[in-house]
Amino acid sequence: MPGTPCWFELDTTDLDAGAAFYGQILGWQVADSGMPDADYRLASAPDGAMVAGLSSTDEQEQASPKWVVHFAVDDADANLCDGCVTVVACGARRRLRRPP
């Protein structure tokens, strides 16, 4: 359904601790994604549904651990424009730069 959260990602400096914490409190099973050259993990709910990704935040970048929420849209291609992405929520518009 458009406008609803559809994917979550945890960026953290300690993937093992994050996986253990959310595994314990939410019953998630966390496994390696199999992506080459990246320590990216996938979390599944007790019913087996994929619910989140977990990735490593480099401590040297001084980035704080955080959750990133992704929202569903009817047509992702229709929301793209030259060099930016348009996000519409509750009647507001915000343009975000597309990553290089």
Protein backbone atom coordinates (compact mmCIF):
# COMPACT_ATOMS: atom_id res chain seq x y z
CA MET A 1 0.00 0.00 0.00
CA PRO A 2 1.55 3.36 -1.01
CA GLY A 3 2.84 5.50 1.82
CA THR A 4 3.29 2.63 4.25
CA PRO A 5 6.66 1.40 5.49
CA CYS A 6 7.82 -1.56 3.40
CA TRP A 7 11.46 -2.13 4.40
CA PHE A 8 13.71 -1.22 7.31
CA GLU A 9 17.49 -1.04 7.51
CA LEU A 10 19.68 -0.78 10.56
CA ASP A 11 23.04 0.94 10.06
CA THR A 12 25.19 0.11 13.07
CA THR A 13 28.83 -0.04 14.14
CA ASP A 14 28.29 -3.50 15.70
CA LEU A 15 26.35 -5.86 13.44
CA ASP A 16 26.73 -8.84 15.74
CA ALA A 17 25.33 -6.96 18.74
CA GLY A 18 22.46 -5.54 16.65
CA ALA A 19 21.56 -8.96 15.29
CA ALA A 20 21.65 -10.49 18.77
CA PHE A 21 19.59 -7.67 20.32
CA TYR A 22 16.79 -7.68 17.75
CA GLY A 23 16.89 -11.46 17.55
CA GLN A 24 16.25 -11.64 21.27
CA ILE A 25 13.53 -8.98 21.59
CA LEU A 26 11.71 -9.54 18.26
CA GLY A 27 12.51 -13.17 17.54
CA TRP A 28 14.28 -12.29 14.30
CA GLN A 29 16.60 -14.71 12.55
CA VAL A 30 19.52 -12.81 11.02
CA ALA A 31 21.64 -14.30 8.24
CA ASP A 32 24.31 -13.14 5.82
CA SER A 33 22.80 -11.81 2.58
CA GLY A 34 25.46 -13.41 0.40
CA MET A 35 26.34 -10.05 -1.17
CA PRO A 36 30.00 -10.08 -2.21
CA ASP A 37 32.25 -7.39 -0.71
CA ALA A 38 29.63 -6.28 1.83
CA ASP A 39 28.67 -7.36 5.33
CA TYR A 40 24.94 -6.95 4.74
CA ARG A 41 22.57 -9.16 6.69
CA LEU A 42 18.89 -9.94 6.29
CA ALA A 43 16.46 -10.32 9.17
CA SER A 44 13.42 -12.58 9.04
CA ALA A 45 10.44 -12.48 11.39
CA PRO A 46 9.37 -15.63 13.23
CA ASP A 47 6.90 -16.37 10.39
CA GLY A 48 9.79 -16.33 7.88
CA ALA A 49 8.93 -12.98 6.26
CA MET A 50 11.91 -10.77 5.42
CA VAL A 51 11.59 -7.63 7.52
CA ALA A 52 14.89 -5.74 7.55
CA GLY A 53 18.44 -5.37 6.41
CA LEU A 54 21.41 -4.72 8.68
CA SER A 55 24.58 -3.02 7.50
CA SER A 56 27.78 -1.73 8.99
CA THR A 57 28.37 1.96 9.61
CA ASP A 58 32.05 2.82 9.50
CA GLU A 59 33.15 4.19 12.89
CA GLN A 60 35.71 6.42 11.15
CA GLU A 61 32.90 8.23 9.32
CA GLN A 62 31.52 9.17 12.76
CA ALA A 63 28.07 8.18 11.55
CA SER A 64 25.60 7.43 14.29
CA PRO A 65 23.80 4.10 14.30
CA LYS A 66 20.31 4.59 12.89
CA TRP A 67 17.23 2.97 11.44
CA VAL A 68 16.27 3.86 7.85
CA VAL A 69 12.63 3.41 6.81
CA HIS A 70 11.60 2.82 3.18
CA PHE A 71 8.06 3.63 2.04
CA ALA A 72 6.02 1.86 -0.63
CA VAL A 73 4.88 3.64 -3.81
CA ASP A 74 2.64 2.45 -6.64
CA ASP A 75 5.24 3.12 -9.34
CA ALA A 76 8.84 3.94 -8.41
CA ASP A 77 9.71 4.92 -12.00
CA ALA A 78 6.88 7.47 -12.05
CA ASN A 79 8.41 9.17 -9.00
CA LEU A 80 11.81 9.73 -10.67
CA CYS A 81 12.89 12.94 -12.38
CA ASP A 82 16.18 14.24 -13.77
CA GLY A 83 18.67 14.07 -10.92
CA CYS A 84 16.16 13.86 -8.09
CA VAL A 85 13.45 11.78 -6.49
CA THR A 86 10.09 13.26 -5.58
CA VAL A 87 8.55 12.10 -2.33
CA VAL A 88 4.90 12.87 -1.65
CA ALA A 89 3.43 12.34 1.80
CA CYS A 90 0.40 13.94 3.43
CA GLY A 91 0.17 16.47 0.59
CA ALA A 92 3.77 17.66 0.98
CA ARG A 93 6.54 17.41 -1.63
CA ARG A 94 10.21 17.00 -0.98
CA ARG A 95 12.90 16.50 -3.59
CA LEU A 96 15.87 14.38 -2.70
CA ARG A 97 19.05 14.19 -4.74
CA ARG A 98 19.53 10.84 -6.42
CA PRO A 99 22.82 9.19 -5.33
CA PRO A 100 25.62 9.52 -7.90
